[in-house]
Amino acid sequence: AAGAVAAIQSASMQKSGRYLAPEEMRQLLVSTGKPTTDTKVDITKPLIDVGVAMTGFAPQIPVYVEDGAMLNGEVIFDWDYETYQWDPDSYIMMEDPDFINGYFLPQISAGQSYDSPCVDAGNPATIDYVGDPNYTTATSFVRDVNEVDLGYHYGAAKEFTLDFAYVIDPEPDFAYEIVFEPSDPPPYAKYHQVPISVSLSDSIKGDYHIAGWSGTMDDSSKESENAVLMNNNTVVTVFIDKNEFELTVIVIGPGMVDPNGGSFEADSEIEITAYPEPGYAVKEWIGTDSDFDLSDVKTILMDTDREVTVRFGISRVINVPGNLPYIGIQEAIDLSENGDTIIIEPGTYIGRMFNVVGKNITISSANPHDPEVVGTTIIDMD
């Protein structure tokens, strides 16, 4: 069957200068075939007769008008389709529409490299088709827009809306503008890929940047251009962040911090180091990523303006046993602060595990250099 169809198409090209459309081929095979009863199923179907089919067509003129017939208000004699000048208002085109995939029209907007001459060439009297979501001539199935296209209209695909939003952090305290393209997006057919872009006004362009997107084909992009695949009603959001954030450092007590403030790149990690004066230690951090940790070196994520406070205090010496409430090692640990020293006097102490969390303290025997003192300072783990 495939070979027969190929032979018929070859003959069609030789005689008429074109190949037959699928429906034309089907009608030709049915009309010229020989009715034959199937040997397995009780049905009758046409048996292809290639010879008859190949003589069943011949070169035809596009339009034939009999003498005396009226065409567009004019009585016609000696009709010649090659020389007849059509009235422009008749909306009859002598150019090849370049049909593709049936009777679709090539269109740049649908991904083809050129527009068919039939695009936007139809009769304005059929304006009801324009913008109607039910009709299209494009392979993208986007509805017919602008002037109506000349030619057969297919059913258009379901369409979806595209909207834009933005989140800017922190919100500027001055006027600014965010502009999206397309500025007034029309409804788009399902699976249509829409190029989009965003631009920042000069008032914020130097201080802010695009940090990411949502609802696009590449949400991780930090570029101003992106794309959307329309498979649903879509809201595209662009996230705009400040380029730099301010770090403010407050120091309480004898000591210093480096760096002690300044401007830092957004989302960068800054290492802050505390330098207490001799006899002092860090007693408190406020505003860091882990305030419970009282070590001298801290890390700050600059994802917003940050204020960090460090408090220095004197380092104490706590003796165990000693005056209440330091009656045991754990009690002394619990009531100690960062930088303190706990001195354990000779004796036997009961305890399996001592809990030291978030403190930088020293626990020592009364004289770690005296073997007798060390030997008589016992922690019984049983």
Protein backbone atom coordinates (compact mmCIF):
# COMPACT_ATOMS: atom_id res chain seq x y z
CA ALA A 1 0.00 0.00 0.00
CA ALA A 2 2.82 2.40 0.84
CA GLY A 3 4.43 1.80 -2.55
CA ALA A 4 1.13 2.44 -4.34
CA VAL A 5 0.63 5.71 -2.50
CA ALA A 6 4.19 6.78 -3.34
CA ALA A 7 3.60 6.05 -7.04
CA ILE A 8 0.34 8.00 -7.04
CA GLN A 9 1.98 10.98 -5.29
CA SER A 10 4.79 10.95 -7.86
CA ALA A 11 2.25 11.01 -10.68
CA SER A 12 0.36 13.82 -8.95
CA MET A 13 3.50 15.95 -8.76
CA GLN A 14 4.26 15.35 -12.45
CA LYS A 15 0.73 16.16 -13.64
CA SER A 16 -0.45 18.84 -11.25
CA GLY A 17 2.76 20.20 -9.75
CA ARG A 18 1.88 19.25 -6.19
CA TYR A 19 1.36 16.30 -3.87
CA LEU A 20 -2.10 15.24 -2.74
CA ALA A 21 -3.25 16.14 0.74
CA PRO A 22 -4.09 13.14 2.98
CA GLU A 23 -7.84 13.64 2.57
CA GLU A 24 -7.48 13.97 -1.22
CA MET A 25 -5.49 10.73 -1.34
CA ARG A 26 -8.12 8.91 0.72
CA GLN A 27 -10.96 10.10 -1.51
CA LEU A 28 -9.03 9.13 -4.66
CA LEU A 29 -8.30 5.62 -3.39
CA VAL A 30 -11.93 5.10 -2.36
CA SER A 31 -13.41 6.42 -5.61
CA THR A 32 -11.05 4.49 -7.93
CA GLY A 33 -10.62 1.30 -5.90
CA LYS A 34 -12.38 -2.00 -6.61
CA PRO A 35 -14.87 -3.13 -3.93
CA THR A 36 -13.44 -6.35 -2.44
CA THR A 37 -14.81 -8.59 0.32
CA ASP A 38 -12.28 -9.36 3.04
CA THR A 39 -11.46 -13.08 3.32
CA LYS A 40 -11.30 -13.00 7.12
CA VAL A 41 -13.82 -10.35 8.12
CA ASP A 42 -17.25 -9.84 6.58
CA ILE A 43 -16.59 -6.33 5.28
CA THR A 44 -16.14 -4.82 1.83
CA LYS A 45 -13.28 -2.41 1.20
CA PRO A 46 -11.72 -0.86 -1.91
CA LEU A 47 -8.75 -2.67 -3.46
CA ILE A 48 -6.21 -0.12 -4.70
CA ASP A 49 -6.16 0.15 -8.49
CA VAL A 50 -2.98 2.13 -9.13
CA GLY A 51 -3.54 2.44 -12.88
CA VAL A 52 -7.03 3.91 -12.55
CA ALA A 53 -5.96 6.11 -9.63
CA MET A 54 -3.05 7.59 -11.59
CA THR A 55 -5.37 8.52 -14.46
CA GLY A 56 -8.03 9.79 -12.08
CA PHE A 57 -6.52 13.25 -11.91
CA ALA A 58 -4.98 15.67 -14.34
CA PRO A 59 -3.75 19.23 -14.18
CA GLN A 60 -6.67 21.44 -13.17
CA ILE A 61 -7.07 25.19 -13.24
CA PRO A 62 -7.70 26.67 -9.79
CA VAL A 63 -11.03 28.30 -10.75
CA TYR A 64 -13.30 27.60 -13.73
CA VAL A 65 -16.02 30.08 -14.76
CA GLU A 66 -18.52 29.34 -17.52
CA ASP A 67 -19.30 32.01 -20.13
CA GLY A 68 -22.09 34.26 -18.96
CA ALA A 69 -21.60 33.37 -15.31
CA MET A 70 -21.41 36.14 -12.73
CA LEU A 71 -18.38 36.42 -10.48
CA ASN A 72 -18.12 39.15 -7.84
CA GLY A 73 -20.84 41.15 -9.60
CA GLU A 74 -19.21 40.82 -13.05
CA VAL A 75 -20.54 38.77 -16.01
CA ILE A 76 -17.64 36.65 -17.29
CA PHE A 77 -16.82 35.60 -20.88
CA ASP A 78 -13.66 33.89 -22.14
CA TRP A 79 -12.46 33.15 -18.63
CA ASP A 80 -8.67 32.96 -18.20
CA TYR A 81 -7.56 32.36 -14.64
CA GLU A 82 -3.96 33.35 -15.44
CA THR A 83 -4.81 36.88 -16.66
CA TYR A 84 -7.92 37.68 -14.65
CA GLN A 85 -7.32 40.48 -12.16
CA TRP A 86 -9.13 39.84 -8.93
CA ASP A 87 -10.73 42.77 -7.13
CA PRO A 88 -8.67 43.39 -3.96
CA ASP A 89 -11.91 43.46 -1.98
CA SER A 90 -12.62 39.86 -3.01
CA TYR A 91 -9.83 38.64 -0.66
CA ILE A 92 -8.80 35.97 -3.17
CA MET A 93 -5.06 35.31 -3.20
CA MET A 94 -3.10 33.90 -6.13
CA GLU A 95 0.03 33.25 -4.04
CA ASP A 96 0.95 29.89 -2.55
CA PRO A 97 -0.17 29.86 1.12
CA ASP A 98 2.60 27.32 1.91
CA PHE A 99 0.36 25.07 3.99
CA ILE A 100 2.13 22.94 6.62
CA ASN A 101 0.88 19.97 8.64
CA GLY A 102 -2.43 20.03 6.78
CA TYR A 103 -3.77 23.55 6.35
CA PHE A 104 -1.82 25.42 9.01
CA LEU A 105 -0.10 28.64 7.93
CA PRO A 106 3.62 29.19 8.57
CA GLN A 107 4.06 31.98 11.12
CA ILE A 108 7.15 33.41 12.80
CA SER A 109 5.22 33.69 16.06
CA ALA A 110 4.62 29.91 15.95
CA GLY A 111 8.29 29.05 15.41
CA GLN A 112 8.51 29.02 11.60
CA SER A 113 11.11 31.17 9.82
CA TYR A 114 8.59 33.25 7.83
CA ASP A 115 4.94 34.28 7.64
CA SER A 116 2.56 32.84 5.06
CA PRO A 117 1.10 35.53 2.74
CA CYS A 118 -2.29 34.48 4.13
CA VAL A 119 -1.47 35.68 7.64
CA ASP A 120 -3.57 38.78 8.49
CA ALA A 121 -4.87 38.77 4.88
CA GLY A 122 -8.51 37.79 5.44
CA ASN A 123 -11.76 39.68 5.05
CA PRO A 124 -12.37 42.07 7.97
CA ALA A 125 -16.04 41.09 7.71
CA THR A 126 -15.03 37.88 9.48
CA ILE A 127 -13.62 39.89 12.37
CA ASP A 128 -15.46 37.63 14.84
CA TYR A 129 -12.65 35.11 14.39
CA VAL A 130 -10.01 37.56 15.63
CA GLY A 131 -9.27 37.06 19.30
CA ASP A 132 -11.75 34.17 19.52
CA PRO A 133 -9.99 31.53 21.66
CA ASN A 134 -11.68 28.79 19.61
CA TYR A 135 -9.94 29.41 16.26
CA THR A 136 -6.36 29.35 14.98
CA THR A 137 -4.25 28.93 11.83
CA ALA A 138 -0.96 28.48 13.74
CA THR A 139 0.85 25.24 14.55
CA SER A 140 1.30 26.60 18.08
CA PHE A 141 -2.51 26.58 18.38
CA VAL A 142 -2.43 30.20 19.57
CA ARG A 143 -5.67 31.90 18.60
CA ASP A 144 -5.87 34.14 15.51
CA VAL A 145 -5.03 37.74 16.48
CA ASN A 146 -4.64 41.10 14.68
CA GLU A 147 -6.32 40.92 11.24
CA VAL A 148 -8.08 37.65 10.52
CA ASP A 149 -5.95 35.11 8.64
CA LEU A 150 -7.07 33.91 5.21
CA GLY A 151 -7.75 30.19 5.19
CA TYR A 152 -9.03 27.27 7.19
CA HIS A 153 -9.18 27.78 10.96
CA TYR A 154 -8.55 24.92 13.40
CA GLY A 155 -9.71 24.70 16.97
CA ALA A 156 -7.31 26.65 19.20
CA ALA A 157 -5.69 25.19 22.29
CA LYS A 158 -6.70 26.08 25.83
CA GLU A 159 -5.13 29.35 26.91
CA PHE A 160 -3.59 30.48 30.18
CA THR A 161 -2.85 33.85 31.75
CA LEU A 162 0.56 35.22 32.72
CA ASP A 163 1.05 37.71 35.56
CA PHE A 164 4.11 39.17 37.27
CA ALA A 165 5.09 39.99 40.84
CA TYR A 166 8.26 40.89 42.70
CA VAL A 167 9.70 40.71 46.21
CA ILE A 168 12.39 43.25 47.10
CA ASP A 169 14.39 42.87 50.32
CA PRO A 170 14.84 45.18 52.07
CA GLU A 171 12.19 47.56 50.79
CA PRO A 172 13.87 50.84 49.73
CA ASP A 173 12.76 54.04 51.45
CA PHE A 174 12.80 55.91 48.12
CA ALA A 175 10.92 55.71 44.82
CA TYR A 176 11.81 52.91 42.41
CA GLU A 177 10.28 50.95 39.51
CA ILE A 178 10.32 47.31 38.39
CA VAL A 179 9.39 46.79 34.71
CA PHE A 180 8.44 43.41 33.19
CA GLU A 181 8.28 42.38 29.54
CA PRO A 182 5.88 41.56 28.05
CA SER A 183 4.23 44.47 29.84
CA ASP A 184 0.68 43.39 28.97
CA PRO A 185 0.88 39.65 28.21
CA PRO A 186 -2.05 38.17 26.28
CA PRO A 187 -3.45 34.71 27.02
CA TYR A 188 -1.08 32.00 25.76
CA ALA A 189 -1.85 28.54 24.40
CA LYS A 190 -0.87 25.53 26.48
CA TYR A 191 2.84 24.63 26.25
CA HIS A 192 3.67 27.96 24.60
CA GLN A 193 7.14 29.14 25.68
CA VAL A 194 7.15 32.84 26.53
CA PRO A 195 10.42 34.83 26.79
CA ILE A 196 10.28 37.30 29.68
CA SER A 197 12.56 39.95 31.17
CA VAL A 198 12.70 42.38 34.08
CA SER A 199 14.53 45.69 34.47
CA LEU A 200 15.27 47.79 37.55
CA SER A 201 14.99 51.56 37.57
CA ASP A 202 18.18 53.59 37.89
CA SER A 203 17.31 54.52 41.48
CA ILE A 204 17.98 50.94 42.68
CA LYS A 205 20.01 49.39 39.86
CA GLY A 206 23.34 50.06 41.55
CA ASP A 207 22.28 48.82 45.00
CA TYR A 208 20.10 45.78 44.21
CA HIS A 209 20.37 42.62 42.12
CA ILE A 210 18.16 39.76 40.92
CA ALA A 211 18.53 36.92 43.42
CA GLY A 212 16.19 34.37 41.80
CA TRP A 213 12.79 33.61 40.25
CA SER A 214 9.74 31.44 40.78
CA GLY A 215 7.33 30.14 38.13
CA THR A 216 9.92 30.13 35.33
CA MET A 217 11.88 27.51 33.40
CA ASP A 218 15.02 28.43 35.41
CA ASP A 219 14.15 29.68 38.89
CA SER A 220 17.80 29.64 39.99
CA SER A 221 18.81 32.18 37.35
CA LYS A 222 20.09 35.55 38.54
CA GLU A 223 19.84 37.05 35.05
CA SER A 224 17.29 39.63 33.92
CA GLU A 225 15.97 37.36 31.13
CA ASN A 226 14.11 34.08 31.56
CA ALA A 227 11.28 32.05 30.01
CA VAL A 228 7.93 30.56 31.03
CA LEU A 229 6.30 27.35 29.79
CA MET A 230 2.57 28.01 29.80
CA ASN A 231 0.94 24.84 31.14
CA ASN A 232 -1.26 26.63 33.68
CA ASN A 233 -2.29 30.11 34.77
CA THR A 234 1.09 31.38 35.94
CA VAL A 235 2.35 34.10 38.28
CA VAL A 236 6.06 34.76 37.81
CA THR A 237 7.85 36.28 40.80
CA VAL A 238 11.32 37.82 40.71
CA PHE A 239 13.28 38.18 43.95
CA ILE A 240 15.41 41.30 44.26
CA ASP A 241 17.98 41.64 47.04
CA LYS A 242 20.36 44.34 48.14
CA ASN A 243 23.94 44.07 46.89
CA GLU A 244 25.47 44.82 50.30
CA PHE A 245 24.34 44.80 53.92
CA GLU A 246 25.58 46.78 56.91
CA LEU A 247 27.19 45.16 59.94
CA THR A 248 27.05 47.11 63.21
CA VAL A 249 29.10 45.85 66.18
CA ILE A 250 28.47 46.94 69.78
CA VAL A 251 31.22 46.17 72.33
CA ILE A 252 30.47 46.12 76.08
CA GLY A 253 33.39 45.80 78.50
CA PRO A 254 37.16 45.66 78.12
CA GLY A 255 37.98 44.23 74.71
CA MET A 256 37.68 44.75 70.96
CA VAL A 257 36.22 43.02 67.89
CA ASP A 258 37.56 42.67 64.35
CA PRO A 259 35.94 43.64 62.06
CA ASN A 260 34.06 46.21 64.10
CA GLY A 261 31.45 46.90 61.39
CA GLY A 262 31.17 47.91 57.74
CA SER A 263 29.47 47.00 54.44
CA PHE A 264 29.65 43.43 53.16
CA GLU A 265 28.49 41.58 50.05
CA ALA A 266 25.00 40.10 50.29
CA ASP A 267 24.91 36.44 51.42
CA SER A 268 28.62 36.44 52.29
CA GLU A 269 29.84 34.83 55.52
CA ILE A 270 31.85 37.14 57.77
CA GLU A 271 34.16 35.87 60.52
CA ILE A 272 34.19 38.08 63.63
CA THR A 273 36.94 37.67 66.24
CA ALA A 274 36.69 38.96 69.82
CA TYR A 275 39.84 40.07 71.68
CA PRO A 276 39.20 40.41 75.45
CA GLU A 277 41.64 42.32 77.64
CA PRO A 278 43.84 40.21 79.97
CA GLY A 279 41.78 38.81 82.83
CA TYR A 280 38.56 39.13 80.85
CA ALA A 281 36.57 36.81 78.59
CA VAL A 282 33.57 36.84 76.25
CA LYS A 283 30.50 36.55 78.47
CA GLU A 284 27.77 37.01 75.86
CA TRP A 285 27.11 37.23 72.11
CA ILE A 286 23.87 38.68 70.70
CA GLY A 287 22.95 38.66 67.00
CA THR A 288 25.29 35.94 65.71
CA ASP A 289 24.34 32.67 64.02
CA SER A 290 24.91 30.75 67.30
CA ASP A 291 24.73 33.01 70.35
CA PHE A 292 24.94 30.06 72.78
CA ASP A 293 28.53 29.40 71.64
CA LEU A 294 30.77 31.78 73.60
CA SER A 295 33.96 31.14 71.66
CA ASP A 296 36.03 34.13 70.56
CA VAL A 297 35.47 33.53 66.82
CA LYS A 298 31.96 33.76 65.34
CA THR A 299 30.47 33.53 61.84
CA ILE A 300 27.82 35.94 60.55
CA LEU A 301 25.74 35.38 57.38
CA MET A 302 25.14 38.77 55.78
CA ASP A 303 21.68 38.08 54.38
CA THR A 304 20.32 41.33 55.87
CA ASP A 305 21.57 44.30 57.88
CA ARG A 306 23.00 42.79 61.08
CA GLU A 307 23.70 44.16 64.56
CA VAL A 308 26.03 42.12 66.78
CA THR A 309 26.71 42.76 70.48
CA VAL A 310 29.59 41.23 72.43
CA ARG A 311 29.92 41.60 76.20
CA PHE A 312 33.25 41.11 77.96
CA GLY A 313 33.45 40.31 81.68
CA ILE A 314 36.08 39.51 84.28
CA SER A 315 37.24 35.90 84.49
CA ARG A 316 36.45 34.43 87.95
CA VAL A 317 38.12 31.66 89.93
CA ILE A 318 35.70 29.21 91.56
CA ASN A 319 36.95 26.71 94.19
CA VAL A 320 35.34 23.30 94.75
CA PRO A 321 34.53 22.62 97.45
CA GLY A 322 34.17 26.15 98.60
CA ASN A 323 31.54 28.50 99.80
CA LEU A 324 28.01 27.50 98.82
CA PRO A 325 26.56 27.04 96.27
CA TYR A 326 29.72 25.49 94.82
CA ILE A 327 29.40 22.19 96.70
CA GLY A 328 30.20 20.00 93.68
CA ILE A 329 31.85 20.07 90.29
CA GLN A 330 28.65 20.11 88.21
CA GLU A 331 27.12 22.85 90.36
CA ALA A 332 30.21 24.98 89.80
CA ILE A 333 30.06 24.31 86.04
CA ASP A 334 26.39 25.26 85.90
CA LEU A 335 26.97 28.60 87.64
CA SER A 336 30.20 29.47 85.85
CA GLU A 337 30.50 31.81 82.86
CA ASN A 338 32.71 31.88 79.82
CA GLY A 339 36.36 32.46 80.77
CA ASP A 340 36.00 31.29 84.39
CA THR A 341 38.38 28.82 86.05
CA ILE A 342 37.16 26.06 88.39
CA ILE A 343 39.77 24.85 90.93
CA ILE A 344 39.10 21.39 92.39
CA GLU A 345 40.67 20.91 95.83
CA PRO A 346 42.04 17.49 96.86
CA GLY A 347 39.31 15.00 97.70
CA THR A 348 37.06 12.36 96.19
CA TYR A 349 34.17 13.46 93.96
CA ILE A 350 31.36 11.28 92.63
CA GLY A 351 30.24 11.69 89.02
CA ARG A 352 30.09 9.83 85.73
CA MET A 353 29.69 12.71 83.33
CA PHE A 354 29.96 16.48 83.57
CA ASN A 355 27.99 18.64 81.17
CA VAL A 356 29.76 21.69 79.74
CA VAL A 357 27.75 23.28 76.92
CA GLY A 358 28.51 26.59 75.22
CA LYS A 359 31.17 27.67 77.70
CA ASN A 360 34.89 28.13 77.39
CA ILE A 361 36.03 27.36 80.96
CA THR A 362 39.08 25.82 82.60
CA ILE A 363 38.77 22.98 85.15
CA SER A 364 41.96 22.23 87.07
CA SER A 365 43.23 20.64 90.26
CA ALA A 366 44.53 22.98 92.96
CA ASN A 367 48.10 22.42 91.78
CA PRO A 368 48.42 20.44 88.54
CA HIS A 369 52.23 20.50 88.86
CA ASP A 370 52.26 18.77 92.30
CA PRO A 371 51.95 14.96 91.90
CA GLU A 372 50.71 14.58 95.48
CA VAL A 373 47.90 17.09 94.93
CA VAL A 374 46.98 15.49 91.61
CA GLY A 375 47.04 12.00 93.17
CA THR A 376 44.69 13.00 95.97
CA THR A 377 42.19 14.75 93.66
CA ILE A 378 39.95 11.85 92.65
CA ILE A 379 36.78 11.69 90.53
CA ASP A 380 35.00 8.40 91.21
CA MET A 381 33.17 7.28 88.04
CA ASP A 382 31.57 4.18 89.60
